[in-house]
Amino acid sequence: MRNFTFLIGSSDDDGWVQYLKTAYFSGDYNFENYNASAYHISLSEESKVEGCSNLAAIAVEIGRGRAMADGWCLDDTFSCLVEE
């Protein structure tokens, strides 16, 4: 299994990517000070999705889907994937 976390936040917050990554890596997962969310994704090495070349690409698609289902949109947001 490989574990990923998809982070997404509002682009209205200047410098949010660096602050969000700092908060994530420091263990501050509540994101109360951020307009952001984190989605944890675990995939087996055998996972395959047509159009995705590797597990990270699959994790991004899953993370985006979960974020969109949770009310996020791609407009005015930044996102990134971290592997744990």
PDB file of N, CA and C in Angstrom:
ATOM      1  N   MET A   1       0.836  -1.188   0.000  1.00  0.00           N
ATOM      2  CA  MET A   1       0.000   0.000   0.000  1.00  0.00           C
ATOM      3  C   MET A   1       0.874   1.243   0.000  1.00  0.00           C
ATOM      4  N   ARG A   2       0.408   2.238  -0.737  1.00  0.00           N
ATOM      5  CA  ARG A   2       1.035   3.557  -0.690  1.00  0.00           C
ATOM      6  C   ARG A   2      -0.009   4.550  -0.223  1.00  0.00           C
ATOM      7  N   ASN A   3       0.417   5.460   0.616  1.00  0.00           N
ATOM      8  CA  ASN A   3      -0.494   6.425   1.235  1.00  0.00           C
ATOM      9  C   ASN A   3      -0.186   7.829   0.752  1.00  0.00           C
ATOM     10  N   PHE A   4      -1.247   8.526   0.372  1.00  0.00           N
ATOM     11  CA  PHE A   4      -1.147   9.889  -0.135  1.00  0.00           C
ATOM     12  C   PHE A   4      -2.128  10.767   0.635  1.00  0.00           C
ATOM     13  N   THR A   5      -1.881  12.070   0.590  1.00  0.00           N
ATOM     14  CA  THR A   5      -2.842  13.046   1.089  1.00  0.00           C
ATOM     15  C   THR A   5      -2.979  14.129   0.043  1.00  0.00           C
ATOM     16  N   PHE A   6      -4.224  14.379  -0.360  1.00  0.00           N
ATOM     17  CA  PHE A   6      -4.546  15.435  -1.311  1.00  0.00           C
ATOM     18  C   PHE A   6      -4.944  16.661  -0.507  1.00  0.00           C
ATOM     19  N   LEU A   7      -4.216  17.758  -0.680  1.00  0.00           N
ATOM     20  CA  LEU A   7      -4.481  19.011   0.022  1.00  0.00           C
ATOM     21  C   LEU A   7      -5.082  20.008  -0.951  1.00  0.00           C
ATOM     22  N   ILE A   8      -6.132  20.693  -0.539  1.00  0.00           N
ATOM     23  CA  ILE A   8      -6.755  21.705  -1.386  1.00  0.00           C
ATOM     24  C   ILE A   8      -7.124  22.893  -0.517  1.00  0.00           C
ATOM     25  N   GLY A   9      -6.961  24.085  -1.079  1.00  0.00           N
ATOM     26  CA  GLY A   9      -7.293  25.293  -0.334  1.00  0.00           C
ATOM     27  C   GLY A   9      -7.592  26.452  -1.256  1.00  0.00           C
ATOM     28  N   SER A  10      -8.141  27.489  -0.695  1.00  0.00           N
ATOM     29  CA  SER A  10      -8.551  28.670  -1.441  1.00  0.00           C
ATOM     30  C   SER A  10      -7.342  29.489  -1.886  1.00  0.00           C
ATOM     31  N   SER A  11      -7.380  29.947  -3.128  1.00  0.00           N
ATOM     32  CA  SER A  11      -6.291  30.798  -3.625  1.00  0.00           C
ATOM     33  C   SER A  11      -6.435  32.228  -3.110  1.00  0.00           C
ATOM     34  N   ASP A  12      -7.521  32.523  -2.398  1.00  0.00           N
ATOM     35  CA  ASP A  12      -7.700  33.852  -1.804  1.00  0.00           C
ATOM     36  C   ASP A  12      -6.712  34.108  -0.683  1.00  0.00           C
ATOM     37  N   ASP A  13      -6.193  33.039  -0.087  1.00  0.00           N
ATOM     38  CA  ASP A  13      -5.238  33.163   1.004  1.00  0.00           C
ATOM     39  C   ASP A  13      -3.827  33.216   0.433  1.00  0.00           C
ATOM     40  N   ASP A  14      -3.214  34.398   0.441  1.00  0.00           N
ATOM     41  CA  ASP A  14      -1.865  34.552  -0.101  1.00  0.00           C
ATOM     42  C   ASP A  14      -0.888  33.628   0.598  1.00  0.00           C
ATOM     43  N   GLY A  15      -0.086  32.947  -0.183  1.00  0.00           N
ATOM     44  CA  GLY A  15       0.940  32.079   0.365  1.00  0.00           C
ATOM     45  C   GLY A  15       0.410  30.832   1.029  1.00  0.00           C
ATOM     46  N   TRP A  16      -0.820  30.478   0.773  1.00  0.00           N
ATOM     47  CA  TRP A  16      -1.441  29.362   1.494  1.00  0.00           C
ATOM     48  C   TRP A  16      -0.719  28.055   1.264  1.00  0.00           C
ATOM     49  N   VAL A  17      -0.147  27.830   0.063  1.00  0.00           N
ATOM     50  CA  VAL A  17       0.482  26.535  -0.220  1.00  0.00           C
ATOM     51  C   VAL A  17       1.594  26.267   0.783  1.00  0.00           C
ATOM     52  N   GLN A  18       2.454  27.236   0.998  1.00  0.00           N
ATOM     53  CA  GLN A  18       3.555  27.038   1.938  1.00  0.00           C
ATOM     54  C   GLN A  18       3.039  26.867   3.357  1.00  0.00           C
ATOM     55  N   TYR A  19       2.084  27.689   3.769  1.00  0.00           N
ATOM     56  CA  TYR A  19       1.518  27.567   5.112  1.00  0.00           C
ATOM     57  C   TYR A  19       0.791  26.241   5.294  1.00  0.00           C
ATOM     58  N   LEU A  20       0.071  25.832   4.266  1.00  0.00           N
ATOM     59  CA  LEU A  20      -0.670  24.576   4.339  1.00  0.00           C
ATOM     60  C   LEU A  20       0.270  23.383   4.453  1.00  0.00           C
ATOM     61  N   LYS A  21       1.315  23.372   3.638  1.00  0.00           N
ATOM     62  CA  LYS A  21       2.295  22.278   3.728  1.00  0.00           C
ATOM     63  C   LYS A  21       2.984  22.288   5.088  1.00  0.00           C
ATOM     64  N   THR A  22       3.320  23.473   5.588  1.00  0.00           N
ATOM     65  CA  THR A  22       3.954  23.568   6.897  1.00  0.00           C
ATOM     66  C   THR A  22       3.022  23.016   7.974  1.00  0.00           C
ATOM     67  N   ALA A  23       1.760  23.403   7.917  1.00  0.00           N
ATOM     68  CA  ALA A  23       0.787  22.896   8.891  1.00  0.00           C
ATOM     69  C   ALA A  23       0.639  21.387   8.774  1.00  0.00           C
ATOM     70  N   TYR A  24       0.566  20.888   7.560  1.00  0.00           N
ATOM     71  CA  TYR A  24       0.404  19.450   7.355  1.00  0.00           C
ATOM     72  C   TYR A  24       1.601  18.680   7.916  1.00  0.00           C
ATOM     73  N   PHE A  25       2.802  19.116   7.554  1.00  0.00           N
ATOM     74  CA  PHE A  25       4.001  18.394   7.982  1.00  0.00           C
ATOM     75  C   PHE A  25       4.293  18.566   9.473  1.00  0.00           C
ATOM     76  N   SER A  26       3.748  19.608  10.099  1.00  0.00           N
ATOM     77  CA  SER A  26       3.947  19.783  11.537  1.00  0.00           C
ATOM     78  C   SER A  26       2.903  19.027  12.349  1.00  0.00           C
ATOM     79  N   GLY A  27       1.915  18.442  11.674  1.00  0.00           N
ATOM     80  CA  GLY A  27       0.893  17.674  12.366  1.00  0.00           C
ATOM     81  C   GLY A  27      -0.351  18.465  12.719  1.00  0.00           C
ATOM     82  N   ASP A  28      -0.461  19.709  12.247  1.00  0.00           N
ATOM     83  CA  ASP A  28      -1.637  20.543  12.508  1.00  0.00           C
ATOM     84  C   ASP A  28      -2.697  20.252  11.445  1.00  0.00           C
ATOM     85  N   TYR A  29      -3.445  19.160  11.637  1.00  0.00           N
ATOM     86  CA  TYR A  29      -4.375  18.699  10.612  1.00  0.00           C
ATOM     87  C   TYR A  29      -5.755  19.335  10.704  1.00  0.00           C
ATOM     88  N   ASN A  30      -6.027  20.165  11.699  1.00  0.00           N
ATOM     89  CA  ASN A  30      -7.377  20.696  11.843  1.00  0.00           C
ATOM     90  C   ASN A  30      -7.683  21.818  10.863  1.00  0.00           C
ATOM     91  N   PHE A  31      -6.684  22.466  10.338  1.00  0.00           N
ATOM     92  CA  PHE A  31      -6.824  23.507   9.321  1.00  0.00           C
ATOM     93  C   PHE A  31      -7.811  24.607   9.729  1.00  0.00           C
ATOM     94  N   GLU A  32      -7.996  24.840  11.035  1.00  0.00           N
ATOM     95  CA  GLU A  32      -8.916  25.880  11.481  1.00  0.00           C
ATOM     96  C   GLU A  32      -8.490  27.265  10.989  1.00  0.00           C
ATOM     97  N   ASN A  33      -7.206  27.469  10.824  1.00  0.00           N
ATOM     98  CA  ASN A  33      -6.703  28.767  10.380  1.00  0.00           C
ATOM     99  C   ASN A  33      -6.614  28.879   8.868  1.00  0.00           C
ATOM    100  N   TYR A  34      -7.084  27.878   8.159  1.00  0.00           N
ATOM    101  CA  TYR A  34      -6.974  27.837   6.711  1.00  0.00           C
ATOM    102  C   TYR A  34      -8.332  27.539   6.095  1.00  0.00           C
ATOM    103  N   ASN A  35      -8.554  28.018   4.906  1.00  0.00           N
ATOM    104  CA  ASN A  35      -9.715  27.620   4.127  1.00  0.00           C
ATOM    105  C   ASN A  35      -9.226  26.456   3.266  1.00  0.00           C
ATOM    106  N   ALA A  36      -9.109  25.275   3.885  1.00  0.00           N
ATOM    107  CA  ALA A  36      -8.467  24.143   3.232  1.00  0.00           C
ATOM    108  C   ALA A  36      -8.998  22.823   3.779  1.00  0.00           C
ATOM    109  N   SER A  37      -8.714  21.759   3.037  1.00  0.00           N
ATOM    110  CA  SER A  37      -9.094  20.406   3.455  1.00  0.00           C
ATOM    111  C   SER A  37      -8.006  19.425   3.046  1.00  0.00           C
ATOM    112  N   ALA A  38      -7.976  18.296   3.743  1.00  0.00           N
ATOM    113  CA  ALA A  38      -7.032  17.215   3.440  1.00  0.00           C
ATOM    114  C   ALA A  38      -7.823  15.921   3.262  1.00  0.00           C
ATOM    115  N   TYR A  39      -7.467  15.162   2.237  1.00  0.00           N
ATOM    116  CA  TYR A  39      -8.132  13.889   1.944  1.00  0.00           C
ATOM    117  C   TYR A  39      -7.071  12.801   1.860  1.00  0.00           C
ATOM    118  N   HIS A  40      -7.190  11.802   2.709  1.00  0.00           N
ATOM    119  CA  HIS A  40      -6.222  10.716   2.778  1.00  0.00           C
ATOM    120  C   HIS A  40      -6.645   9.594   1.834  1.00  0.00           C
ATOM    121  N   ILE A  41      -5.683   9.073   1.101  1.00  0.00           N
ATOM    122  CA  ILE A  41      -5.947   8.058   0.078  1.00  0.00           C
ATOM    123  C   ILE A  41      -4.895   6.969   0.198  1.00  0.00           C
ATOM    124  N   SER A  42      -5.324   5.722   0.261  1.00  0.00           N
ATOM    125  CA  SER A  42      -4.419   4.567   0.275  1.00  0.00           C
ATOM    126  C   SER A  42      -4.692   3.728  -0.962  1.00  0.00           C
ATOM    127  N   LEU A  43      -3.643   3.383  -1.673  1.00  0.00           N
ATOM    128  CA  LEU A  43      -3.780   2.588  -2.898  1.00  0.00           C
ATOM    129  C   LEU A  43      -2.817   1.414  -2.880  1.00  0.00           C
ATOM    130  N   SER A  44      -3.279   0.278  -3.376  1.00  0.00           N
ATOM    131  CA  SER A  44      -2.379  -0.863  -3.512  1.00  0.00           C
ATOM    132  C   SER A  44      -1.515  -0.656  -4.755  1.00  0.00           C
ATOM    133  N   GLU A  45      -0.364  -1.269  -4.768  1.00  0.00           N
ATOM    134  CA  GLU A  45       0.568  -1.142  -5.889  1.00  0.00           C
ATOM    135  C   GLU A  45      -0.046  -1.610  -7.212  1.00  0.00           C
ATOM    136  N   GLU A  46      -1.050  -2.477  -7.142  1.00  0.00           N
ATOM    137  CA  GLU A  46      -1.662  -3.039  -8.339  1.00  0.00           C
ATOM    138  C   GLU A  46      -2.775  -2.170  -8.913  1.00  0.00           C
ATOM    139  N   SER A  47      -3.099  -1.066  -8.255  1.00  0.00           N
ATOM    140  CA  SER A  47      -4.201  -0.210  -8.708  1.00  0.00           C
ATOM    141  C   SER A  47      -3.906   0.346 -10.099  1.00  0.00           C
ATOM    142  N   LYS A  48      -4.930   0.318 -10.949  1.00  0.00           N
ATOM    143  CA  LYS A  48      -4.809   0.832 -12.314  1.00  0.00           C
ATOM    144  C   LYS A  48      -6.077   1.598 -12.659  1.00  0.00           C
ATOM    145  N   VAL A  49      -5.915   2.716 -13.366  1.00  0.00           N
ATOM    146  CA  VAL A  49      -7.027   3.489 -13.891  1.00  0.00           C
ATOM    147  C   VAL A  49      -6.623   3.944 -15.284  1.00  0.00           C
ATOM    148  N   GLU A  50      -7.482   3.708 -16.249  1.00  0.00           N
ATOM    149  CA  GLU A  50      -7.189   4.118 -17.611  1.00  0.00           C
ATOM    150  C   GLU A  50      -6.983   5.628 -17.658  1.00  0.00           C
ATOM    151  N   GLY A  51      -5.921   6.057 -18.296  1.00  0.00           N
ATOM    152  CA  GLY A  51      -5.605   7.472 -18.395  1.00  0.00           C
ATOM    153  C   GLY A  51      -4.683   7.978 -17.296  1.00  0.00           C
ATOM    154  N   CYS A  52      -4.421   7.165 -16.301  1.00  0.00           N
ATOM    155  CA  CYS A  52      -3.501   7.546 -15.213  1.00  0.00           C
ATOM    156  C   CYS A  52      -2.240   6.697 -15.333  1.00  0.00           C
ATOM    157  N   SER A  53      -1.103   7.341 -15.416  1.00  0.00           N
ATOM    158  CA  SER A  53       0.149   6.633 -15.676  1.00  0.00           C
ATOM    159  C   SER A  53       0.803   6.029 -14.436  1.00  0.00           C
ATOM    160  N   ASN A  54       0.405   6.485 -13.238  1.00  0.00           N
ATOM    161  CA  ASN A  54       1.019   5.961 -12.019  1.00  0.00           C
ATOM    162  C   ASN A  54       0.077   6.149 -10.832  1.00  0.00           C
ATOM    163  N   LEU A  55       0.485   5.659  -9.673  1.00  0.00           N
ATOM    164  CA  LEU A  55      -0.376   5.736  -8.489  1.00  0.00           C
ATOM    165  C   LEU A  55      -0.631   7.176  -8.041  1.00  0.00           C
ATOM    166  N   ALA A  56       0.342   8.036  -8.189  1.00  0.00           N
ATOM    167  CA  ALA A  56       0.143   9.431  -7.799  1.00  0.00           C
ATOM    168  C   ALA A  56      -0.948  10.077  -8.650  1.00  0.00           C
ATOM    169  N   ALA A  57      -0.977   9.783  -9.938  1.00  0.00           N
ATOM    170  CA  ALA A  57      -2.017  10.332 -10.814  1.00  0.00           C
ATOM    171  C   ALA A  57      -3.399   9.820 -10.405  1.00  0.00           C
ATOM    172  N   ILE A  58      -3.472   8.555 -10.020  1.00  0.00           N
ATOM    173  CA  ILE A  58      -4.740   7.990  -9.543  1.00  0.00           C
ATOM    174  C   ILE A  58      -5.158   8.697  -8.252  1.00  0.00           C
ATOM    175  N   ALA A  59      -4.210   8.901  -7.345  1.00  0.00           N
ATOM    176  CA  ALA A  59      -4.509   9.559  -6.071  1.00  0.00           C
ATOM    177  C   ALA A  59      -5.012  10.985  -6.287  1.00  0.00           C
ATOM    178  N   VAL A  60      -4.441  11.704  -7.252  1.00  0.00           N
ATOM    179  CA  VAL A  60      -4.905  13.064  -7.554  1.00  0.00           C
ATOM    180  C   VAL A  60      -6.354  13.027  -8.024  1.00  0.00           C
ATOM    181  N   GLU A  61      -6.673  12.097  -8.925  1.00  0.00           N
ATOM    182  CA  GLU A  61      -8.050  11.991  -9.427  1.00  0.00           C
ATOM    183  C   GLU A  61      -9.025  11.667  -8.298  1.00  0.00           C
ATOM    184  N   ILE A  62      -8.651  10.751  -7.428  1.00  0.00           N
ATOM    185  CA  ILE A  62      -9.508  10.404  -6.289  1.00  0.00           C
ATOM    186  C   ILE A  62      -9.639  11.599  -5.343  1.00  0.00           C
ATOM    187  N   GLY A  63      -8.517  12.256  -5.057  1.00  0.00           N
ATOM    188  CA  GLY A  63      -8.541  13.420  -4.174  1.00  0.00           C
ATOM    189  C   GLY A  63      -9.412  14.537  -4.718  1.00  0.00           C
ATOM    190  N   ARG A  64      -9.291  14.816  -6.013  1.00  0.00           N
ATOM    191  CA  ARG A  64     -10.136  15.847  -6.629  1.00  0.00           C
ATOM    192  C   ARG A  64     -11.610  15.466  -6.534  1.00  0.00           C
ATOM    193  N   GLY A  65     -11.907  14.214  -6.813  1.00  0.00           N
ATOM    194  CA  GLY A  65     -13.292  13.761  -6.741  1.00  0.00           C
ATOM    195  C   GLY A  65     -13.864  13.902  -5.342  1.00  0.00           C
ATOM    196  N   ARG A  66     -13.088  13.511  -4.350  1.00  0.00           N
ATOM    197  CA  ARG A  66     -13.555  13.638  -2.969  1.00  0.00           C
ATOM    198  C   ARG A  66     -13.728  15.102  -2.585  1.00  0.00           C
ATOM    199  N   ALA A  67     -12.801  15.954  -3.029  1.00  0.00           N
ATOM    200  CA  ALA A  67     -12.905  17.386  -2.732  1.00  0.00           C
ATOM    201  C   ALA A  67     -14.144  17.987  -3.393  1.00  0.00           C
ATOM    202  N   MET A  68     -14.394  17.634  -4.649  1.00  0.00           N
ATOM    203  CA  MET A  68     -15.560  18.163  -5.357  1.00  0.00           C
ATOM    204  C   MET A  68     -16.855  17.671  -4.690  1.00  0.00           C
ATOM    205  N   ALA A  69     -16.876  16.430  -4.266  1.00  0.00           N
ATOM    206  CA  ALA A  69     -18.058  15.890  -3.578  1.00  0.00           C
ATOM    207  C   ALA A  69     -18.275  16.581  -2.229  1.00  0.00           C
ATOM    208  N   ASP A  70     -17.212  17.163  -1.697  1.00  0.00           N
ATOM    209  CA  ASP A  70     -17.280  17.842  -0.402  1.00  0.00           C
ATOM    210  C   ASP A  70     -17.561  19.344  -0.569  1.00  0.00           C
ATOM    211  N   GLY A  71     -17.796  19.796  -1.819  1.00  0.00           N
ATOM    212  CA  GLY A  71     -18.163  21.187  -2.050  1.00  0.00           C
ATOM    213  C   GLY A  71     -17.083  22.073  -2.627  1.00  0.00           C
ATOM    214  N   TRP A  72     -15.869  21.568  -2.804  1.00  0.00           N
ATOM    215  CA  TRP A  72     -14.810  22.350  -3.411  1.00  0.00           C
ATOM    216  C   TRP A  72     -15.032  22.416  -4.917  1.00  0.00           C
ATOM    217  N   CYS A  73     -14.428  23.414  -5.576  1.00  0.00           N
ATOM    218  CA  CYS A  73     -14.410  23.465  -7.040  1.00  0.00           C
ATOM    219  C   CYS A  73     -12.972  23.764  -7.453  1.00  0.00           C
ATOM    220  N   LEU A  74     -12.681  23.618  -8.719  1.00  0.00           N
ATOM    221  CA  LEU A  74     -11.315  23.850  -9.182  1.00  0.00           C
ATOM    222  C   LEU A  74     -11.009  25.333  -9.378  1.00  0.00           C
ATOM    223  N   ASP A  75     -12.058  26.162  -9.499  1.00  0.00           N
ATOM    224  CA  ASP A  75     -11.851  27.603  -9.656  1.00  0.00           C
ATOM    225  C   ASP A  75     -11.314  28.202  -8.363  1.00  0.00           C
ATOM    226  N   ASP A  76     -10.295  29.032  -8.489  1.00  0.00           N
ATOM    227  CA  ASP A  76      -9.745  29.783  -7.365  1.00  0.00           C
ATOM    228  C   ASP A  76      -9.252  28.901  -6.221  1.00  0.00           C
ATOM    229  N   THR A  77      -8.715  27.740  -6.552  1.00  0.00           N
ATOM    230  CA  THR A  77      -8.112  26.872  -5.538  1.00  0.00           C
ATOM    231  C   THR A  77      -6.733  26.431  -6.012  1.00  0.00           C
ATOM    232  N   PHE A  78      -5.949  26.035  -5.053  1.00  0.00           N
ATOM    233  CA  PHE A  78      -4.673  25.378  -5.321  1.00  0.00           C
ATOM    234  C   PHE A  78      -4.727  24.025  -4.639  1.00  0.00           C
ATOM    235  N   SER A  79      -4.061  23.054  -5.218  1.00  0.00           N
ATOM    236  CA  SER A  79      -4.023  21.745  -4.588  1.00  0.00           C
ATOM    237  C   SER A  79      -2.656  21.107  -4.812  1.00  0.00           C
ATOM    238  N   CYS A  80      -2.359  20.144  -3.971  1.00  0.00           N
ATOM    239  CA  CYS A  80      -1.123  19.386  -4.138  1.00  0.00           C
ATOM    240  C   CYS A  80      -1.306  18.008  -3.518  1.00  0.00           C
ATOM    241  N   LEU A  81      -0.451  17.115  -3.883  1.00  0.00           N
ATOM    242  CA  LEU A  81      -0.474  15.756  -3.369  1.00  0.00           C
ATOM    243  C   LEU A  81       0.833  15.504  -2.636  1.00  0.00           C
ATOM    244  N   VAL A  82       0.746  14.943  -1.441  1.00  0.00           N
ATOM    245  CA  VAL A  82       1.942  14.537  -0.714  1.00  0.00           C
ATOM    246  C   VAL A  82       1.857  13.039  -0.460  1.00  0.00           C
ATOM    247  N   GLU A  83       2.985  12.386  -0.582  1.00  0.00           N
ATOM    248  CA  GLU A  83       3.029  10.945  -0.281  1.00  0.00           C
ATOM    249  C   GLU A  83       3.619  10.771   1.092  1.00  0.00           C
ATOM    250  N   GLU A  84       2.993   9.894   1.850  1.00  0.00           N
ATOM    251  CA  GLU A  84       3.434   9.667   3.219  1.00  0.00           C
ATOM    252  C   GLU A  84       4.303   8.455   3.309  1.00  0.00           C
TER     253      GLU A  84
END
